[in-house]
Each structure stands twice: as structure tokens, then as C-alpha cells.
């Protein structure tokens, strides 16, 4: 997991810090900061981006639910990562915190999807997000203005990222698209393939028990209702259910199981 998150992925350059005519290496994502230029403090923070990622990896309350699929990607991007960035760099203002957080999340998210793909290495039959298809004339003229290569089989300098089951040219990336990516999804896919369904459920229940705001008093009160749910439905309440009441029962059950494991470990 550490190797995946800290793996080299992409370089980020603010447009305000590019010289006229400067060559931008393939794989560089330009930060559009015309309205609010990136500050020296943000640039300095991003020089230590690996330290920020390492701090995120050390947050069990963030990593565990992300790996087991219990956290929404947007929550990781908009809540969890910004909290860590604010703790590491309390002197940055709100806008600077947001910029650093978005770039850190983007870097982790791109690494989790397999990194960057050269156009020449794209698989046969690759599906593209609208506006990213290299065979589309509008795409070719909209990414640098050079139409001389339209119709060529490929341009190796073009770089793509896999978003879900579609490829996106990095020049077409936007924050809303990136926020849909759980930066730990690769670890979750490995985990789900490496363990049985029962083991994965146990791990998920443990994570839910760690995260729940359930008190011991409420769990005791809900225990009878959990038993009733089991008798009525023939299964345990699920924390992924759409019914809020069932989800609350599932949270109570996870809390009780987690406490039982802690007591058993303490007694052994």
C-alpha cells in the first residue's frame, strides 16, 4: 500500500509559473490558477508531498475505512485529506489548504488507477471519456492546436488516466472527476480478491465498529432489537442498507463485536 500511494505518478505545475514557450514534459498536469495564483507557501508544501501522503497512511481512521470501501471517495477528498493538510500546515489559509489537498488527492488517485498511460500503450478497444478520444478532431485541436497528427495511429506524448472503465487525457482532468476516485481502491480490489467473503465482512465490521459514534449504553439498549432483527429477517443487519434503522443496528452490532474482540485480546 505504501508503495502504491507513494509511487511516482504525475508532476503538477501552476500555469502562472510557466514561462512563455516553456516545454512542459509529458505527464505534467497544469494547475489553472489564473484567478488565484499558487502561492510560494503552497509550492513549498507540495515539495513535501510524500510526507503528506505518509501522514495520511498513518491515519488508521482514514485508511481502514477507505481500504474496505466504507468511506465515500468524496469524503476522503473533501474532509479527511484537508484535515490532515490543515494539521501539517496550520499557517496556510483556506484557499491554500484546498489547493494542496486537491493536488495530494489527485496524485494519490492517479497512482491508484495504475498511473499514467502513454497513448501508444492504450489497450485495443479502449473506451474514452467524452473529449478525450485521440481519434476525435476536436480533441486533437483542443490539446495544443497542432492538427498535423490528426489521423496518426498514436502520439506517444499524450498521457491518459484510467477513470473507472474509461480513459481520460490528463489535459481534460478536472477536480470533480478526480474526486470520484477512492485513492485506496487498488488496495481494496487486492484485499477483496485475496480473502474470503466472510473474512472481508469481518474486516469491514471491525472498521465500522471503530468508526461508529455508538456508545456502550446505546449498544446495550439496541442488543434486544438486533436479536429481534435476526429472528425476523434471518440475517444480521447490514451497514450498507438503505434503511437508517437497519444501519444503526448494524453499527451497534459492529461495536459489540469489536468490544468483544478487544476483551478477548486483553484476556489472552
Protein backbone atom coordinates (compact mmCIF):
# COMPACT_ATOMS: atom_id res chain seq x y z
CA UNK A 1 0.00 0.00 0.00
CA UNK A 2 2.83 2.40 0.88
CA UNK A 3 4.49 1.70 -2.47
CA UNK A 4 1.24 2.30 -4.32
CA UNK A 5 0.43 5.60 -2.63
CA UNK A 6 3.97 6.99 -2.77
CA UNK A 7 4.69 5.77 -6.29
CA UNK A 8 5.69 8.48 -8.76
CA UNK A 9 2.57 9.46 -10.67
CA UNK A 10 2.42 12.90 -12.20
CA UNK A 11 4.01 16.31 -11.91
CA UNK A 12 1.92 19.40 -11.21
CA UNK A 13 2.84 22.86 -12.48
CA UNK A 14 0.87 26.06 -11.87
CA UNK A 15 0.20 27.85 -15.16
CA UNK A 16 1.19 31.12 -13.51
CA UNK A 17 4.71 29.76 -13.02
CA UNK A 18 5.27 28.65 -16.60
CA UNK A 19 7.47 30.77 -18.84
CA UNK A 20 6.25 31.71 -22.31
CA UNK A 21 7.17 28.92 -24.68
CA UNK A 22 8.44 26.67 -21.87
CA UNK A 23 8.47 22.97 -22.73
CA UNK A 24 6.17 21.02 -20.43
CA UNK A 25 7.20 17.36 -20.14
CA UNK A 26 4.56 14.73 -20.92
CA UNK A 27 2.75 13.62 -17.80
CA UNK A 28 2.58 17.12 -16.34
CA UNK A 29 -0.80 18.37 -15.14
CA UNK A 30 -1.20 22.13 -15.36
CA UNK A 31 -2.91 23.78 -12.40
CA UNK A 32 -5.15 26.51 -13.75
CA UNK A 33 -4.50 29.31 -11.27
CA UNK A 34 -5.13 32.43 -13.35
CA UNK A 35 -7.71 33.83 -10.92
CA UNK A 36 -5.79 32.84 -7.77
CA UNK A 37 -2.09 32.19 -8.44
CA UNK A 38 -0.49 29.43 -6.39
CA UNK A 39 1.49 30.94 -3.54
CA UNK A 40 5.08 30.22 -2.54
CA UNK A 41 3.73 28.57 0.63
CA UNK A 42 1.68 26.12 -1.41
CA UNK A 43 4.66 25.37 -3.65
CA UNK A 44 6.81 24.73 -0.57
CA UNK A 45 4.20 22.40 0.94
CA UNK A 46 3.94 20.43 -2.31
CA UNK A 47 7.69 19.90 -2.33
CA UNK A 48 6.98 17.63 0.66
CA UNK A 49 4.02 15.85 -0.92
CA UNK A 50 5.43 12.43 0.01
CA UNK A 51 5.45 13.46 3.67
CA UNK A 52 1.79 14.46 3.39
CA UNK A 53 0.93 11.10 1.84
CA UNK A 54 2.86 9.29 4.56
CA UNK A 55 0.89 11.21 7.21
CA UNK A 56 -2.35 10.12 5.53
CA UNK A 57 -1.22 6.49 5.56
CA UNK A 58 -0.62 6.71 9.30
CA UNK A 59 -4.23 7.76 9.97
CA UNK A 60 -5.96 4.46 10.72
CA UNK A 61 -9.34 6.18 10.90
CA UNK A 62 -8.86 7.29 7.28
CA UNK A 63 -7.07 4.36 5.68
CA UNK A 64 -9.01 1.44 7.18
CA UNK A 65 -12.49 2.53 6.02
CA UNK A 66 -11.08 3.64 2.67
CA UNK A 67 -9.49 0.25 2.00
CA UNK A 68 -12.62 -1.68 2.99
CA UNK A 69 -14.90 0.54 0.91
CA UNK A 70 -16.64 2.09 3.93
CA UNK A 71 -15.70 5.67 3.01
CA UNK A 72 -17.03 7.58 0.02
CA UNK A 73 -14.35 8.93 -2.30
CA UNK A 74 -15.70 12.48 -1.94
CA UNK A 75 -15.42 12.26 1.87
CA UNK A 76 -11.76 11.31 1.59
CA UNK A 77 -11.13 14.17 -0.85
CA UNK A 78 -13.21 16.90 0.82
CA UNK A 79 -12.92 16.03 4.52
CA UNK A 80 -10.22 13.58 5.52
CA UNK A 81 -7.25 14.78 3.45
CA UNK A 82 -7.94 18.50 4.14
CA UNK A 83 -7.98 17.80 7.90
CA UNK A 84 -4.50 16.28 7.69
CA UNK A 85 -3.19 19.09 5.47
CA UNK A 86 -4.54 21.69 7.91
CA UNK A 87 -2.83 19.91 10.80
CA UNK A 88 0.52 19.76 8.98
CA UNK A 89 0.34 23.32 7.63
CA UNK A 90 -1.76 25.40 10.04
CA UNK A 91 -0.31 28.65 8.68
CA UNK A 92 -1.89 28.21 5.23
CA UNK A 93 -5.18 29.97 4.53
CA UNK A 94 -8.36 28.16 3.46
CA UNK A 95 -7.71 28.54 -0.26
CA UNK A 96 -4.14 27.27 0.12
CA UNK A 97 -5.34 24.30 2.18
CA UNK A 98 -7.81 23.45 -0.57
CA UNK A 99 -5.20 23.68 -3.33
CA UNK A 100 -2.72 21.44 -1.50
CA UNK A 101 -5.45 18.94 -0.57
CA UNK A 102 -6.77 18.69 -4.12
CA UNK A 103 -3.29 18.10 -5.56
CA UNK A 104 -2.42 15.49 -2.92
CA UNK A 105 -5.67 13.64 -3.55
CA UNK A 106 -5.22 13.84 -7.32
CA UNK A 107 -1.70 12.43 -7.08
CA UNK A 108 -2.86 9.53 -4.89
CA UNK A 109 -5.95 8.88 -7.00
CA UNK A 110 -4.00 8.72 -10.25
CA UNK A 111 -1.46 6.35 -8.70
CA UNK A 112 -4.29 4.09 -7.51
CA UNK A 113 -5.71 3.71 -11.03
CA UNK A 114 -2.43 2.48 -12.49
CA UNK A 115 -0.67 5.77 -13.08
CA UNK A 116 -0.28 7.37 -16.48
CA UNK A 117 -0.68 5.53 -19.77
CA UNK A 118 1.06 6.55 -22.99
CA UNK A 119 -1.33 6.73 -25.92
CA UNK A 120 0.78 4.15 -27.73
CA UNK A 121 0.27 1.71 -24.82
CA UNK A 122 -3.51 2.01 -24.56
CA UNK A 123 -5.30 -1.35 -24.89
CA UNK A 124 -7.18 -2.25 -28.04
CA UNK A 125 -10.79 -1.13 -27.79
CA UNK A 126 -10.07 1.42 -25.04
CA UNK A 127 -13.11 3.49 -24.11
CA UNK A 128 -12.64 7.24 -23.61
CA UNK A 129 -14.41 9.93 -21.65
CA UNK A 130 -16.10 12.49 -23.95
CA UNK A 131 -13.46 14.90 -25.25
CA UNK A 132 -10.54 12.53 -24.66
CA UNK A 133 -10.76 10.28 -27.72
CA UNK A 134 -7.47 10.76 -29.65
CA UNK A 135 -9.23 9.94 -32.93
CA UNK A 136 -11.56 12.88 -32.49
CA UNK A 137 -10.58 16.02 -34.42
CA UNK A 138 -11.92 18.29 -31.69
CA UNK A 139 -9.73 16.51 -29.15
CA UNK A 140 -6.64 16.87 -31.34
CA UNK A 141 -7.11 20.58 -31.97
CA UNK A 142 -8.07 21.27 -28.38
CA UNK A 143 -4.87 19.99 -26.80
CA UNK A 144 -2.18 22.22 -28.17
CA UNK A 145 -3.57 23.39 -31.50
CA UNK A 146 -1.38 21.09 -33.60
CA UNK A 147 -3.57 19.24 -36.09
CA UNK A 148 -0.70 17.75 -38.06
CA UNK A 149 -1.06 14.45 -36.24
CA UNK A 150 -4.80 14.02 -36.81
CA UNK A 151 -5.29 10.58 -38.28
CA UNK A 152 -1.97 9.25 -36.95
CA UNK A 153 -2.23 5.98 -35.08
CA UNK A 154 -0.91 7.49 -31.87
CA UNK A 155 1.03 10.31 -30.28
CA UNK A 156 3.21 8.87 -27.51
CA UNK A 157 3.44 12.26 -25.76
CA UNK A 158 -0.25 12.14 -24.88
CA UNK A 159 -0.91 10.75 -21.42
CA UNK A 160 -4.10 9.13 -20.13
CA UNK A 161 -5.54 8.14 -16.78
CA UNK A 162 -7.98 5.30 -16.23
CA UNK A 163 -11.14 6.57 -14.51
CA UNK A 164 -13.46 3.67 -13.79
CA UNK A 165 -13.54 1.88 -17.14
CA UNK A 166 -12.77 4.91 -19.31
CA UNK A 167 -9.53 6.66 -20.23
CA UNK A 168 -9.17 10.42 -19.81
CA UNK A 169 -6.47 12.59 -21.30
CA UNK A 170 -4.72 14.32 -18.40
CA UNK A 171 -5.29 17.68 -20.07
CA UNK A 172 -9.03 17.08 -19.66
CA UNK A 173 -8.87 16.17 -15.98
CA UNK A 174 -10.98 18.20 -13.60
CA UNK A 175 -11.33 18.18 -9.84
CA UNK A 176 -14.90 16.86 -9.83
CA UNK A 177 -13.85 13.86 -11.91
CA UNK A 178 -10.85 13.09 -9.69
CA UNK A 179 -12.92 13.38 -6.51
CA UNK A 180 -14.90 10.34 -7.61
CA UNK A 181 -11.80 8.17 -7.16
CA UNK A 182 -11.03 6.44 -3.88
CA UNK A 183 -7.21 6.68 -3.72
CA UNK A 184 -7.14 3.34 -1.91
CA UNK A 185 -9.39 1.50 -4.35
CA UNK A 186 -6.50 -0.56 -5.68
CA UNK A 187 -5.80 -1.85 -2.17
CA UNK A 188 -9.48 -2.68 -1.74
CA UNK A 189 -9.56 -4.65 -5.00
CA UNK A 190 -6.48 -6.63 -3.92
CA UNK A 191 -7.99 -7.25 -0.49
CA UNK A 192 -11.35 -8.38 -1.85
CA UNK A 193 -9.65 -10.86 -4.18
CA UNK A 194 -7.24 -12.16 -1.54
CA UNK A 195 -9.65 -13.05 1.25
CA UNK A 196 -12.95 -14.88 1.51
CA UNK A 197 -16.26 -13.06 1.68
CA UNK A 198 -16.59 -13.92 5.38
CA UNK A 199 -13.12 -12.57 6.20
CA UNK A 200 -13.78 -9.37 4.23
CA UNK A 201 -17.07 -8.91 6.09
CA UNK A 202 -15.27 -9.37 9.42
CA UNK A 203 -12.74 -6.72 8.43
CA UNK A 204 -15.50 -4.35 7.35
CA UNK A 205 -17.41 -4.94 10.58
CA UNK A 206 -14.28 -4.18 12.58
CA UNK A 207 -13.80 -0.91 10.71
CA UNK A 208 -17.44 0.06 11.23
CA UNK A 209 -17.06 -0.71 14.94
CA UNK A 210 -14.02 1.54 15.12
CA UNK A 211 -15.72 4.43 13.34
CA UNK A 212 -19.20 4.34 14.85
CA UNK A 213 -20.30 7.02 17.27
CA UNK A 214 -22.15 4.31 19.19
CA UNK A 215 -21.94 4.43 22.98
CA UNK A 216 -21.88 1.31 25.14
CA UNK A 217 -25.17 2.32 26.72
CA UNK A 218 -26.93 2.62 23.34
CA UNK A 219 -25.41 -0.67 22.15
CA UNK A 220 -26.81 -2.45 25.21
CA UNK A 221 -30.26 -0.98 24.56
CA UNK A 222 -30.16 -1.98 20.89
CA UNK A 223 -28.98 -5.54 21.57
CA UNK A 224 -32.52 -6.84 22.02
CA UNK A 225 -33.59 -5.15 18.80
CA UNK A 226 -30.65 -6.75 16.99
CA UNK A 227 -31.81 -10.15 18.23
CA UNK A 228 -35.33 -9.37 17.04
CA UNK A 229 -33.99 -8.34 13.63
CA UNK A 230 -32.12 -11.65 13.38
CA UNK A 231 -35.25 -13.64 14.22
CA UNK A 232 -37.40 -11.69 11.77
CA UNK A 233 -35.06 -11.50 8.79
CA UNK A 234 -32.78 -14.48 9.36
CA UNK A 235 -29.65 -12.37 8.87
CA UNK A 236 -27.59 -9.72 10.60
CA UNK A 237 -28.40 -6.04 9.94
CA UNK A 238 -26.19 -4.56 7.23
CA UNK A 239 -24.25 -1.30 7.48
CA UNK A 240 -24.77 -0.85 3.70
CA UNK A 241 -28.57 -1.00 3.97
CA UNK A 242 -30.63 1.94 2.73
CA UNK A 243 -32.82 1.81 5.85
CA UNK A 244 -31.30 4.12 8.53
CA UNK A 245 -32.71 1.95 11.33
CA UNK A 246 -31.02 -1.19 9.99
CA UNK A 247 -27.77 0.70 9.53
CA UNK A 248 -27.94 1.85 13.15
CA UNK A 249 -28.49 -1.72 14.31
CA UNK A 250 -25.53 -2.81 12.18
CA UNK A 251 -23.40 -0.11 13.78
CA UNK A 252 -24.39 -1.34 17.24
CA UNK A 253 -23.63 -4.94 16.33
CA UNK A 254 -20.22 -3.98 14.91
CA UNK A 255 -19.49 -2.01 18.09
CA UNK A 256 -20.41 -5.01 20.27
CA UNK A 257 -18.29 -7.42 18.20
CA UNK A 258 -15.35 -5.04 18.28
CA UNK A 259 -15.56 -4.68 22.05
CA UNK A 260 -15.78 -8.46 22.41
CA UNK A 261 -12.61 -8.90 20.35
CA UNK A 262 -10.81 -6.27 22.42
CA UNK A 263 -11.76 -8.00 25.67
CA UNK A 264 -10.72 -11.40 24.31
CA UNK A 265 -7.35 -9.99 23.25
CA UNK A 266 -6.83 -8.39 26.65
CA UNK A 267 -7.59 -11.65 28.44
CA UNK A 268 -5.32 -13.79 26.27
